């Protein structure tokens, strides 16, 4: 497994987002002490507000965006623990293995129904 995660695309309110980027950024924000209320694998206002809080807390330009190779990504990356992420065997999304070591929470819930 690679030791660092690089965003696939820009993560911004006006841009199409990559689902892996969303999951990794949410988990990393949480590890950095920034709570993002909505834990969905798609972009939300809460996600971008969390990015802004992280940027403000770390003296970065507060724009709510994370660019591949950018300053926010570099600052956020020190909180990333890739060892805690696995890929769901059903849908392929990255997840933390909280409900299952092999399946994300959504797929795990569907299997139990």
PDB file of N, CA and C in Angstrom:
ATOM      1  N   UNK A   1       0.854  -1.177   0.000  1.00  0.00           N
ATOM      2  CA  UNK A   1       0.000   0.000   0.000  1.00  0.00           C
ATOM      3  C   UNK A   1       0.896   1.235   0.000  1.00  0.00           C
ATOM      4  N   UNK A   2       0.529   2.234  -0.788  1.00  0.00           N
ATOM      5  CA  UNK A   2       1.328   3.456  -0.826  1.00  0.00           C
ATOM      6  C   UNK A   2       1.265   4.182   0.513  1.00  0.00           C
ATOM      7  N   UNK A   3       2.316   4.919   0.826  1.00  0.00           N
ATOM      8  CA  UNK A   3       2.411   5.581   2.117  1.00  0.00           C
ATOM      9  C   UNK A   3       1.742   6.951   2.127  1.00  0.00           C
ATOM     10  N   UNK A   4       1.597   7.576   0.972  1.00  0.00           N
ATOM     11  CA  UNK A   4       0.934   8.871   0.904  1.00  0.00           C
ATOM     12  C   UNK A   4      -0.227   8.783  -0.068  1.00  0.00           C
ATOM     13  N   UNK A   5      -1.214   9.611   0.172  1.00  0.00           N
ATOM     14  CA  UNK A   5      -2.363   9.663  -0.723  1.00  0.00           C
ATOM     15  C   UNK A   5      -2.325  10.993  -1.448  1.00  0.00           C
ATOM     16  N   UNK A   6      -2.413  10.963  -2.746  1.00  0.00           N
ATOM     17  CA  UNK A   6      -2.493  12.170  -3.562  1.00  0.00           C
ATOM     18  C   UNK A   6      -3.910  12.284  -4.094  1.00  0.00           C
ATOM     19  N   UNK A   7      -4.479  13.474  -3.952  1.00  0.00           N
ATOM     20  CA  UNK A   7      -5.817  13.690  -4.497  1.00  0.00           C
ATOM     21  C   UNK A   7      -5.823  13.388  -5.988  1.00  0.00           C
ATOM     22  N   UNK A   8      -6.915  12.831  -6.454  1.00  0.00           N
ATOM     23  CA  UNK A   8      -7.071  12.555  -7.883  1.00  0.00           C
ATOM     24  C   UNK A   8      -7.514  13.800  -8.646  1.00  0.00           C
ATOM     25  N   UNK A   9      -8.326  14.624  -7.989  1.00  0.00           N
ATOM     26  CA  UNK A   9      -8.836  15.851  -8.611  1.00  0.00           C
ATOM     27  C   UNK A   9      -8.936  16.930  -7.540  1.00  0.00           C
ATOM     28  N   UNK A  10      -9.211  18.156  -7.971  1.00  0.00           N
ATOM     29  CA  UNK A  10      -9.434  19.241  -7.016  1.00  0.00           C
ATOM     30  C   UNK A  10     -10.702  18.933  -6.218  1.00  0.00           C
ATOM     31  N   UNK A  11     -10.695  19.245  -4.956  1.00  0.00           N
ATOM     32  CA  UNK A  11     -11.872  19.080  -4.110  1.00  0.00           C
ATOM     33  C   UNK A  11     -12.361  20.485  -3.773  1.00  0.00           C
ATOM     34  N   UNK A  12     -13.405  20.913  -4.477  1.00  0.00           N
ATOM     35  CA  UNK A  12     -13.936  22.267  -4.342  1.00  0.00           C
ATOM     36  C   UNK A  12     -15.441  22.238  -4.583  1.00  0.00           C
ATOM     37  N   UNK A  13     -16.166  23.209  -4.020  1.00  0.00           N
ATOM     38  CA  UNK A  13     -17.626  23.216  -4.171  1.00  0.00           C
ATOM     39  C   UNK A  13     -18.104  23.267  -5.629  1.00  0.00           C
ATOM     40  N   UNK A  14     -17.328  23.851  -6.505  1.00  0.00           N
ATOM     41  CA  UNK A  14     -17.764  24.019  -7.893  1.00  0.00           C
ATOM     42  C   UNK A  14     -17.120  23.019  -8.847  1.00  0.00           C
ATOM     43  N   UNK A  15     -16.569  21.919  -8.310  1.00  0.00           N
ATOM     44  CA  UNK A  15     -15.889  20.936  -9.152  1.00  0.00           C
ATOM     45  C   UNK A  15     -16.425  19.532  -8.871  1.00  0.00           C
ATOM     46  N   UNK A  16     -16.378  18.691  -9.901  1.00  0.00           N
ATOM     47  CA  UNK A  16     -16.746  17.281  -9.726  1.00  0.00           C
ATOM     48  C   UNK A  16     -15.685  16.623  -8.858  1.00  0.00           C
ATOM     49  N   UNK A  17     -16.100  15.856  -7.867  1.00  0.00           N
ATOM     50  CA  UNK A  17     -15.160  15.271  -6.905  1.00  0.00           C
ATOM     51  C   UNK A  17     -15.014  13.773  -7.122  1.00  0.00           C
ATOM     52  N   UNK A  18     -13.861  13.266  -6.761  1.00  0.00           N
ATOM     53  CA  UNK A  18     -13.577  11.838  -6.795  1.00  0.00           C
ATOM     54  C   UNK A  18     -14.005  11.243  -5.449  1.00  0.00           C
ATOM     55  N   UNK A  19     -14.719  10.137  -5.467  1.00  0.00           N
ATOM     56  CA  UNK A  19     -15.256   9.559  -4.227  1.00  0.00           C
ATOM     57  C   UNK A  19     -14.145   9.154  -3.257  1.00  0.00           C
ATOM     58  N   UNK A  20     -13.030   8.619  -3.761  1.00  0.00           N
ATOM     59  CA  UNK A  20     -11.925   8.259  -2.875  1.00  0.00           C
ATOM     60  C   UNK A  20     -11.363   9.501  -2.191  1.00  0.00           C
ATOM     61  N   UNK A  21     -11.248  10.593  -2.943  1.00  0.00           N
ATOM     62  CA  UNK A  21     -10.762  11.846  -2.350  1.00  0.00           C
ATOM     63  C   UNK A  21     -11.671  12.299  -1.210  1.00  0.00           C
ATOM     64  N   UNK A  22     -12.971  12.197  -1.412  1.00  0.00           N
ATOM     65  CA  UNK A  22     -13.932  12.632  -0.393  1.00  0.00           C
ATOM     66  C   UNK A  22     -13.771  11.808   0.884  1.00  0.00           C
ATOM     67  N   UNK A  23     -13.712  10.494   0.737  1.00  0.00           N
ATOM     68  CA  UNK A  23     -13.592   9.610   1.894  1.00  0.00           C
ATOM     69  C   UNK A  23     -12.286   9.862   2.639  1.00  0.00           C
ATOM     70  N   UNK A  24     -11.184   9.979   1.902  1.00  0.00           N
ATOM     71  CA  UNK A  24      -9.884  10.187   2.532  1.00  0.00           C
ATOM     72  C   UNK A  24      -9.840  11.538   3.234  1.00  0.00           C
ATOM     73  N   UNK A  25     -10.358  12.591   2.598  1.00  0.00           N
ATOM     74  CA  UNK A  25     -10.328  13.920   3.212  1.00  0.00           C
ATOM     75  C   UNK A  25     -11.192  13.945   4.466  1.00  0.00           C
ATOM     76  N   UNK A  26     -12.378  13.344   4.433  1.00  0.00           N
ATOM     77  CA  UNK A  26     -13.236  13.296   5.628  1.00  0.00           C
ATOM     78  C   UNK A  26     -12.506  12.614   6.794  1.00  0.00           C
ATOM     79  N   UNK A  27     -11.906  11.463   6.536  1.00  0.00           N
ATOM     80  CA  UNK A  27     -11.215  10.727   7.598  1.00  0.00           C
ATOM     81  C   UNK A  27     -10.003  11.508   8.100  1.00  0.00           C
ATOM     82  N   UNK A  28      -9.300  12.153   7.188  1.00  0.00           N
ATOM     83  CA  UNK A  28      -8.109  12.892   7.576  1.00  0.00           C
ATOM     84  C   UNK A  28      -8.469  14.146   8.363  1.00  0.00           C
ATOM     85  N   UNK A  29      -9.540  14.830   7.960  1.00  0.00           N
ATOM     86  CA  UNK A  29     -10.007  15.982   8.740  1.00  0.00           C
ATOM     87  C   UNK A  29     -10.344  15.553  10.158  1.00  0.00           C
ATOM     88  N   UNK A  30     -10.994  14.412  10.288  1.00  0.00           N
ATOM     89  CA  UNK A  30     -11.349  13.896  11.606  1.00  0.00           C
ATOM     90  C   UNK A  30     -10.090  13.614  12.425  1.00  0.00           C
ATOM     91  N   UNK A  31      -9.079  13.012  11.803  1.00  0.00           N
ATOM     92  CA  UNK A  31      -7.815  12.734  12.499  1.00  0.00           C
ATOM     93  C   UNK A  31      -7.123  14.025  12.916  1.00  0.00           C
ATOM     94  N   UNK A  32      -7.372  15.116  12.173  1.00  0.00           N
ATOM     95  CA  UNK A  32      -6.775  16.425  12.479  1.00  0.00           C
ATOM     96  C   UNK A  32      -7.597  17.187  13.512  1.00  0.00           C
ATOM     97  N   UNK A  33      -8.692  16.589  13.986  1.00  0.00           N
ATOM     98  CA  UNK A  33      -9.508  17.221  15.014  1.00  0.00           C
ATOM     99  C   UNK A  33     -10.615  18.103  14.492  1.00  0.00           C
ATOM    100  N   UNK A  34     -10.905  18.007  13.190  1.00  0.00           N
ATOM    101  CA  UNK A  34     -11.984  18.794  12.584  1.00  0.00           C
ATOM    102  C   UNK A  34     -13.165  17.867  12.340  1.00  0.00           C
ATOM    103  N   UNK A  35     -14.236  18.076  13.074  1.00  0.00           N
ATOM    104  CA  UNK A  35     -15.425  17.243  12.936  1.00  0.00           C
ATOM    105  C   UNK A  35     -16.249  17.700  11.746  1.00  0.00           C
ATOM    106  N   UNK A  36     -16.565  16.762  10.875  1.00  0.00           N
ATOM    107  CA  UNK A  36     -17.453  17.016   9.738  1.00  0.00           C
ATOM    108  C   UNK A  36     -18.706  16.196  10.008  1.00  0.00           C
ATOM    109  N   UNK A  37     -19.797  16.881  10.321  1.00  0.00           N
ATOM    110  CA  UNK A  37     -21.027  16.223  10.778  1.00  0.00           C
ATOM    111  C   UNK A  37     -21.549  15.160   9.824  1.00  0.00           C
ATOM    112  N   UNK A  38     -21.650  15.478   8.560  1.00  0.00           N
ATOM    113  CA  UNK A  38     -22.217  14.563   7.584  1.00  0.00           C
ATOM    114  C   UNK A  38     -21.123  13.629   7.086  1.00  0.00           C
ATOM    115  N   UNK A  39     -21.275  12.329   7.283  1.00  0.00           N
ATOM    116  CA  UNK A  39     -20.239  11.358   6.921  1.00  0.00           C
ATOM    117  C   UNK A  39     -20.594  10.609   5.638  1.00  0.00           C
ATOM    118  N   UNK A  40     -21.077  11.310   4.640  1.00  0.00           N
ATOM    119  CA  UNK A  40     -21.490  10.686   3.383  1.00  0.00           C
ATOM    120  C   UNK A  40     -20.340  10.686   2.375  1.00  0.00           C
ATOM    121  N   UNK A  41     -20.307   9.715   1.473  1.00  0.00           N
ATOM    122  CA  UNK A  41     -19.230   9.665   0.478  1.00  0.00           C
ATOM    123  C   UNK A  41     -19.510  10.569  -0.728  1.00  0.00           C
ATOM    124  N   UNK A  42     -20.046  11.741  -0.478  1.00  0.00           N
ATOM    125  CA  UNK A  42     -20.229  12.748  -1.529  1.00  0.00           C
ATOM    126  C   UNK A  42     -20.023  14.106  -0.898  1.00  0.00           C
ATOM    127  N   UNK A  43     -19.813  15.116  -1.730  1.00  0.00           N
ATOM    128  CA  UNK A  43     -19.516  16.436  -1.183  1.00  0.00           C
ATOM    129  C   UNK A  43     -20.749  17.051  -0.535  1.00  0.00           C
ATOM    130  N   UNK A  44     -20.520  17.754   0.568  1.00  0.00           N
ATOM    131  CA  UNK A  44     -21.579  18.441   1.295  1.00  0.00           C
ATOM    132  C   UNK A  44     -21.040  19.788   1.772  1.00  0.00           C
ATOM    133  N   UNK A  45     -21.944  20.656   2.159  1.00  0.00           N
ATOM    134  CA  UNK A  45     -21.546  21.943   2.728  1.00  0.00           C
ATOM    135  C   UNK A  45     -20.677  21.725   3.956  1.00  0.00           C
ATOM    136  N   UNK A  46     -21.017  20.713   4.782  1.00  0.00           N
ATOM    137  CA  UNK A  46     -20.250  20.424   5.990  1.00  0.00           C
ATOM    138  C   UNK A  46     -18.797  20.070   5.663  1.00  0.00           C
ATOM    139  N   UNK A  47     -18.585  19.341   4.569  1.00  0.00           N
ATOM    140  CA  UNK A  47     -17.232  18.972   4.178  1.00  0.00           C
ATOM    141  C   UNK A  47     -16.407  20.229   3.865  1.00  0.00           C
ATOM    142  N   UNK A  48     -16.964  21.122   3.084  1.00  0.00           N
ATOM    143  CA  UNK A  48     -16.216  22.323   2.700  1.00  0.00           C
ATOM    144  C   UNK A  48     -16.044  23.282   3.872  1.00  0.00           C
ATOM    145  N   UNK A  49     -16.996  23.313   4.795  1.00  0.00           N
ATOM    146  CA  UNK A  49     -16.825  24.108   6.016  1.00  0.00           C
ATOM    147  C   UNK A  49     -15.717  23.514   6.878  1.00  0.00           C
ATOM    148  N   UNK A  50     -15.634  22.181   6.910  1.00  0.00           N
ATOM    149  CA  UNK A  50     -14.554  21.518   7.643  1.00  0.00           C
ATOM    150  C   UNK A  50     -13.187  21.827   7.041  1.00  0.00           C
ATOM    151  N   UNK A  51     -13.118  21.851   5.722  1.00  0.00           N
ATOM    152  CA  UNK A  51     -11.867  22.206   5.049  1.00  0.00           C
ATOM    153  C   UNK A  51     -11.479  23.638   5.420  1.00  0.00           C
ATOM    154  N   UNK A  52     -12.455  24.538   5.440  1.00  0.00           N
ATOM    155  CA  UNK A  52     -12.180  25.936   5.802  1.00  0.00           C
ATOM    156  C   UNK A  52     -11.688  26.044   7.247  1.00  0.00           C
ATOM    157  N   UNK A  53     -12.298  25.261   8.157  1.00  0.00           N
ATOM    158  CA  UNK A  53     -11.856  25.282   9.561  1.00  0.00           C
ATOM    159  C   UNK A  53     -10.408  24.802   9.673  1.00  0.00           C
ATOM    160  N   UNK A  54     -10.098  23.724   8.945  1.00  0.00           N
ATOM    161  CA  UNK A  54      -8.732  23.206   8.954  1.00  0.00           C
ATOM    162  C   UNK A  54      -7.766  24.268   8.429  1.00  0.00           C
ATOM    163  N   UNK A  55      -8.128  24.903   7.324  1.00  0.00           N
ATOM    164  CA  UNK A  55      -7.264  25.923   6.748  1.00  0.00           C
ATOM    165  C   UNK A  55      -7.047  27.079   7.725  1.00  0.00           C
ATOM    166  N   UNK A  56      -8.114  27.541   8.354  1.00  0.00           N
ATOM    167  CA  UNK A  56      -8.005  28.648   9.313  1.00  0.00           C
ATOM    168  C   UNK A  56      -7.147  28.252  10.509  1.00  0.00           C
ATOM    169  N   UNK A  57      -7.343  27.037  11.017  1.00  0.00           N
ATOM    170  CA  UNK A  57      -6.589  26.561  12.183  1.00  0.00           C
ATOM    171  C   UNK A  57      -5.094  26.424  11.897  1.00  0.00           C
ATOM    172  N   UNK A  58      -4.736  26.259  10.621  1.00  0.00           N
ATOM    173  CA  UNK A  58      -3.339  26.036  10.256  1.00  0.00           C
ATOM    174  C   UNK A  58      -2.714  27.226   9.520  1.00  0.00           C
ATOM    175  N   UNK A  59      -3.386  28.369   9.554  1.00  0.00           N
ATOM    176  CA  UNK A  59      -2.834  29.583   8.961  1.00  0.00           C
ATOM    177  C   UNK A  59      -2.730  29.543   7.455  1.00  0.00           C
ATOM    178  N   UNK A  60      -3.614  28.778   6.821  1.00  0.00           N
ATOM    179  CA  UNK A  60      -3.603  28.668   5.362  1.00  0.00           C
ATOM    180  C   UNK A  60      -4.644  29.597   4.751  1.00  0.00           C
ATOM    181  N   UNK A  61      -4.558  29.797   3.454  1.00  0.00           N
ATOM    182  CA  UNK A  61      -5.583  30.557   2.740  1.00  0.00           C
ATOM    183  C   UNK A  61      -6.912  29.816   2.907  1.00  0.00           C
ATOM    184  N   UNK A  62      -7.931  30.520   3.384  1.00  0.00           N
ATOM    185  CA  UNK A  62      -9.232  29.899   3.655  1.00  0.00           C
ATOM    186  C   UNK A  62     -10.128  30.058   2.429  1.00  0.00           C
ATOM    187  N   UNK A  63     -10.168  28.995   1.607  1.00  0.00           N
ATOM    188  CA  UNK A  63     -11.009  29.012   0.416  1.00  0.00           C
ATOM    189  C   UNK A  63     -11.891  27.769   0.304  1.00  0.00           C
ATOM    190  N   UNK A  64     -11.724  26.807   1.222  1.00  0.00           N
ATOM    191  CA  UNK A  64     -12.554  25.603   1.212  1.00  0.00           C
ATOM    192  C   UNK A  64     -12.213  24.646   0.090  1.00  0.00           C
ATOM    193  N   UNK A  65     -11.045  24.796  -0.509  1.00  0.00           N
ATOM    194  CA  UNK A  65     -10.626  23.935  -1.617  1.00  0.00           C
ATOM    195  C   UNK A  65      -9.338  23.200  -1.259  1.00  0.00           C
ATOM    196  N   UNK A  66      -9.205  22.004  -1.800  1.00  0.00           N
ATOM    197  CA  UNK A  66      -7.953  21.264  -1.681  1.00  0.00           C
ATOM    198  C   UNK A  66      -7.542  20.885  -3.100  1.00  0.00           C
ATOM    199  N   UNK A  67      -6.350  21.320  -3.472  1.00  0.00           N
ATOM    200  CA  UNK A  67      -5.822  21.030  -4.808  1.00  0.00           C
ATOM    201  C   UNK A  67      -4.738  19.961  -4.715  1.00  0.00           C
ATOM    202  N   UNK A  68      -4.702  19.044  -5.701  1.00  0.00           N
ATOM    203  CA  UNK A  68      -3.624  18.051  -5.713  1.00  0.00           C
ATOM    204  C   UNK A  68      -2.263  18.748  -5.704  1.00  0.00           C
ATOM    205  N   UNK A  69      -1.422  18.386  -4.759  1.00  0.00           N
ATOM    206  CA  UNK A  69      -0.104  18.993  -4.644  1.00  0.00           C
ATOM    207  C   UNK A  69      -0.097  20.365  -3.992  1.00  0.00           C
ATOM    208  N   UNK A  70      -1.265  20.846  -3.574  1.00  0.00           N
ATOM    209  CA  UNK A  70      -1.379  22.176  -2.988  1.00  0.00           C
ATOM    210  C   UNK A  70      -1.002  22.223  -1.522  1.00  0.00           C
ATOM    211  N   UNK A  71      -0.981  23.429  -0.980  1.00  0.00           N
ATOM    212  CA  UNK A  71      -0.564  23.664   0.402  1.00  0.00           C
ATOM    213  C   UNK A  71      -1.499  22.967   1.392  1.00  0.00           C
ATOM    214  N   UNK A  72      -2.811  23.037   1.155  1.00  0.00           N
ATOM    215  CA  UNK A  72      -3.751  22.395   2.087  1.00  0.00           C
ATOM    216  C   UNK A  72      -3.565  20.882   2.085  1.00  0.00           C
ATOM    217  N   UNK A  73      -3.414  20.284   0.901  1.00  0.00           N
ATOM    218  CA  UNK A  73      -3.194  18.840   0.835  1.00  0.00           C
ATOM    219  C   UNK A  73      -1.925  18.454   1.588  1.00  0.00           C
ATOM    220  N   UNK A  74      -0.858  19.220   1.418  1.00  0.00           N
ATOM    221  CA  UNK A  74       0.407  18.911   2.089  1.00  0.00           C
ATOM    222  C   UNK A  74       0.267  19.018   3.604  1.00  0.00           C
ATOM    223  N   UNK A  75      -0.436  20.035   4.096  1.00  0.00           N
ATOM    224  CA  UNK A  75      -0.631  20.196   5.538  1.00  0.00           C
ATOM    225  C   UNK A  75      -1.545  19.117   6.099  1.00  0.00           C
ATOM    226  N   UNK A  76      -2.562  18.746   5.354  1.00  0.00           N
ATOM    227  CA  UNK A  76      -3.514  17.733   5.800  1.00  0.00           C
ATOM    228  C   UNK A  76      -2.890  16.341   5.793  1.00  0.00           C
ATOM    229  N   UNK A  77      -1.956  16.102   4.887  1.00  0.00           N
ATOM    230  CA  UNK A  77      -1.400  14.758   4.708  1.00  0.00           C
ATOM    231  C   UNK A  77      -0.675  14.239   5.946  1.00  0.00           C
ATOM    232  N   UNK A  78      -0.190  15.124   6.814  1.00  0.00           N
ATOM    233  CA  UNK A  78       0.518  14.612   8.002  1.00  0.00           C
ATOM    234  C   UNK A  78      -0.436  13.960   9.000  1.00  0.00           C
ATOM    235  N   UNK A  79      -1.724  14.146   8.839  1.00  0.00           N
ATOM    236  CA  UNK A  79      -2.716  13.514   9.728  1.00  0.00           C
ATOM    237  C   UNK A  79      -3.283  12.222   9.131  1.00  0.00           C
ATOM    238  N   UNK A  80      -2.875  11.898   7.932  1.00  0.00           N
ATOM    239  CA  UNK A  80      -3.439  10.754   7.219  1.00  0.00           C
ATOM    240  C   UNK A  80      -2.823   9.449   7.694  1.00  0.00           C
ATOM    241  N   UNK A  81      -3.668   8.482   7.969  1.00  0.00           N
ATOM    242  CA  UNK A  81      -3.230   7.153   8.358  1.00  0.00           C
ATOM    243  C   UNK A  81      -3.793   6.165   7.332  1.00  0.00           C
ATOM    244  N   UNK A  82      -3.046   5.953   6.238  1.00  0.00           N
ATOM    245  CA  UNK A  82      -3.536   5.075   5.181  1.00  0.00           C
ATOM    246  C   UNK A  82      -3.698   3.637   5.651  1.00  0.00           C
ATOM    247  N   UNK A  83      -2.978   3.245   6.677  1.00  0.00           N
ATOM    248  CA  UNK A  83      -3.107   1.880   7.173  1.00  0.00           C
ATOM    249  C   UNK A  83      -4.518   1.614   7.676  1.00  0.00           C
ATOM    250  N   UNK A  84      -5.267   2.677   8.018  1.00  0.00           N
ATOM    251  CA  UNK A  84      -6.628   2.520   8.516  1.00  0.00           C
ATOM    252  C   UNK A  84      -7.660   2.455   7.399  1.00  0.00           C
ATOM    253  N   UNK A  85      -7.227   2.584   6.153  1.00  0.00           N
ATOM    254  CA  UNK A  85      -8.169   2.572   5.042  1.00  0.00           C
ATOM    255  C   UNK A  85      -8.053   1.284   4.241  1.00  0.00           C
ATOM    256  N   UNK A  86      -9.200   0.717   3.907  1.00  0.00           N
ATOM    257  CA  UNK A  86      -9.250  -0.439   3.032  1.00  0.00           C
ATOM    258  C   UNK A  86     -10.290  -0.160   1.963  1.00  0.00           C
ATOM    259  N   UNK A  87     -10.306  -0.943   0.903  1.00  0.00           N
ATOM    260  CA  UNK A  87     -11.258  -0.746  -0.176  1.00  0.00           C
ATOM    261  C   UNK A  87     -12.372  -1.785  -0.054  1.00  0.00           C
ATOM    262  N   UNK A  88     -13.620  -1.310  -0.118  1.00  0.00           N
ATOM    263  CA  UNK A  88     -14.787  -2.193  -0.018  1.00  0.00           C
ATOM    264  C   UNK A  88     -14.770  -3.203  -1.164  1.00  0.00           C
ATOM    265  N   UNK A  89     -15.005  -4.453  -0.849  1.00  0.00           N
ATOM    266  CA  UNK A  89     -15.006  -5.506  -1.866  1.00  0.00           C
ATOM    267  C   UNK A  89     -16.237  -5.469  -2.767  1.00  0.00           C
ATOM    268  N   UNK A  90     -17.283  -4.755  -2.326  1.00  0.00           N
ATOM    269  CA  UNK A  90     -18.496  -4.681  -3.158  1.00  0.00           C
ATOM    270  C   UNK A  90     -18.512  -3.449  -4.054  1.00  0.00           C
ATOM    271  N   UNK A  91     -18.322  -2.263  -3.460  1.00  0.00           N
ATOM    272  CA  UNK A  91     -18.471  -1.029  -4.239  1.00  0.00           C
ATOM    273  C   UNK A  91     -17.138  -0.365  -4.564  1.00  0.00           C
ATOM    274  N   UNK A  92     -16.055  -0.789  -3.905  1.00  0.00           N
ATOM    275  CA  UNK A  92     -14.742  -0.263  -4.204  1.00  0.00           C
ATOM    276  C   UNK A  92     -14.356   1.017  -3.492  1.00  0.00           C
ATOM    277  N   UNK A  93     -15.234   1.568  -2.646  1.00  0.00           N
ATOM    278  CA  UNK A  93     -14.932   2.816  -1.953  1.00  0.00           C
ATOM    279  C   UNK A  93     -13.924   2.577  -0.829  1.00  0.00           C
ATOM    280  N   UNK A  94     -13.081   3.566  -0.575  1.00  0.00           N
ATOM    281  CA  UNK A  94     -12.171   3.483   0.564  1.00  0.00           C
ATOM    282  C   UNK A  94     -12.961   3.688   1.851  1.00  0.00           C
ATOM    283  N   UNK A  95     -12.620   2.934   2.908  1.00  0.00           N
ATOM    284  CA  UNK A  95     -13.325   3.080   4.176  1.00  0.00           C
ATOM    285  C   UNK A  95     -12.395   2.699   5.308  1.00  0.00           C
ATOM    286  N   UNK A  96     -12.834   2.955   6.496  1.00  0.00           N
ATOM    287  CA  UNK A  96     -11.993   2.723   7.668  1.00  0.00           C
ATOM    288  C   UNK A  96     -12.167   1.379   8.327  1.00  0.00           C
ATOM    289  N   UNK A  97     -13.003   0.512   7.799  1.00  0.00           N
ATOM    290  CA  UNK A  97     -13.175  -0.808   8.376  1.00  0.00           C
ATOM    291  C   UNK A  97     -13.884  -0.817   9.718  1.00  0.00           C
ATOM    292  N   UNK A  98     -14.719   0.192   9.987  1.00  0.00           N
ATOM    293  CA  UNK A  98     -15.394   0.283  11.272  1.00  0.00           C
ATOM    294  C   UNK A  98     -16.438  -0.813  11.425  1.00  0.00           C
ATOM    295  N   UNK A  99     -17.227  -1.036  10.400  1.00  0.00           N
ATOM    296  CA  UNK A  99     -18.295  -2.042  10.469  1.00  0.00           C
ATOM    297  C   UNK A  99     -17.809  -3.417  10.020  1.00  0.00           C
ATOM    298  N   UNK A 100     -16.847  -3.432   9.140  1.00  0.00           N
ATOM    299  CA  UNK A 100     -16.330  -4.677   8.600  1.00  0.00           C
ATOM    300  C   UNK A 100     -14.959  -4.416   8.012  1.00  0.00           C
ATOM    301  N   UNK A 101     -14.083  -5.404   8.080  1.00  0.00           N
ATOM    302  CA  UNK A 101     -12.756  -5.246   7.493  1.00  0.00           C
ATOM    303  C   UNK A 101     -12.817  -5.271   5.964  1.00  0.00           C
ATOM    304  N   UNK A 102     -13.904  -5.794   5.399  1.00  0.00           N
ATOM    305  CA  UNK A 102     -13.970  -5.979   3.960  1.00  0.00           C
ATOM    306  C   UNK A 102     -14.999  -5.109   3.257  1.00  0.00           C
ATOM    307  N   UNK A 103     -15.997  -4.585   3.975  1.00  0.00           N
ATOM    308  CA  UNK A 103     -17.091  -3.862   3.341  1.00  0.00           C
ATOM    309  C   UNK A 103     -17.322  -2.512   4.006  1.00  0.00           C
ATOM    310  N   UNK A 104     -17.672  -1.498   3.213  1.00  0.00           N
ATOM    311  CA  UNK A 104     -17.987  -0.179   3.770  1.00  0.00           C
ATOM    312  C   UNK A 104     -19.305  -0.271   4.551  1.00  0.00           C
ATOM    313  N   UNK A 105     -19.614   0.772   5.293  1.00  0.00           N
ATOM    314  CA  UNK A 105     -20.818   0.762   6.130  1.00  0.00           C
ATOM    315  C   UNK A 105     -22.082   0.566   5.303  1.00  0.00           C
ATOM    316  N   UNK A 106     -22.170   1.222   4.141  1.00  0.00           N
ATOM    317  CA  UNK A 106     -23.374   1.090   3.303  1.00  0.00           C
ATOM    318  C   UNK A 106     -23.556  -0.341   2.810  1.00  0.00           C
ATOM    319  N   UNK A 107     -22.510  -0.939   2.259  1.00  0.00           N
ATOM    320  CA  UNK A 107     -22.606  -2.311   1.749  1.00  0.00           C
ATOM    321  C   UNK A 107     -22.839  -3.303   2.883  1.00  0.00           C
ATOM    322  N   UNK A 108     -22.194  -3.076   4.017  1.00  0.00           N
ATOM    323  CA  UNK A 108     -22.385  -3.941   5.177  1.00  0.00           C
ATOM    324  C   UNK A 108     -23.833  -3.913   5.621  1.00  0.00           C
ATOM    325  N   UNK A 109     -24.438  -2.716   5.666  1.00  0.00           N
ATOM    326  CA  UNK A 109     -25.844  -2.581   6.059  1.00  0.00           C
ATOM    327  C   UNK A 109     -26.758  -3.287   5.082  1.00  0.00           C
ATOM    328  N   UNK A 110     -26.480  -3.156   3.795  1.00  0.00           N
ATOM    329  CA  UNK A 110     -27.307  -3.806   2.768  1.00  0.00           C
ATOM    330  C   UNK A 110     -27.238  -5.326   2.900  1.00  0.00           C
ATOM    331  N   UNK A 111     -26.086  -5.853   3.224  1.00  0.00           N
ATOM    332  CA  UNK A 111     -25.925  -7.311   3.362  1.00  0.00           C
ATOM    333  C   UNK A 111     -26.695  -7.839   4.568  1.00  0.00           C
ATOM    334  N   UNK A 112     -26.834  -7.022   5.596  1.00  0.00           N
ATOM    335  CA  UNK A 112     -27.514  -7.455   6.821  1.00  0.00           C
ATOM    336  C   UNK A 112     -29.019  -7.375   6.719  1.00  0.00           C
ATOM    337  N   UNK A 113     -29.539  -6.716   5.686  1.00  0.00           N
ATOM    338  CA  UNK A 113     -31.001  -6.556   5.537  1.00  0.00           C
ATOM    339  C   UNK A 113     -31.612  -7.805   4.976  1.00  0.00           C
TER     340      UNK A 113
END
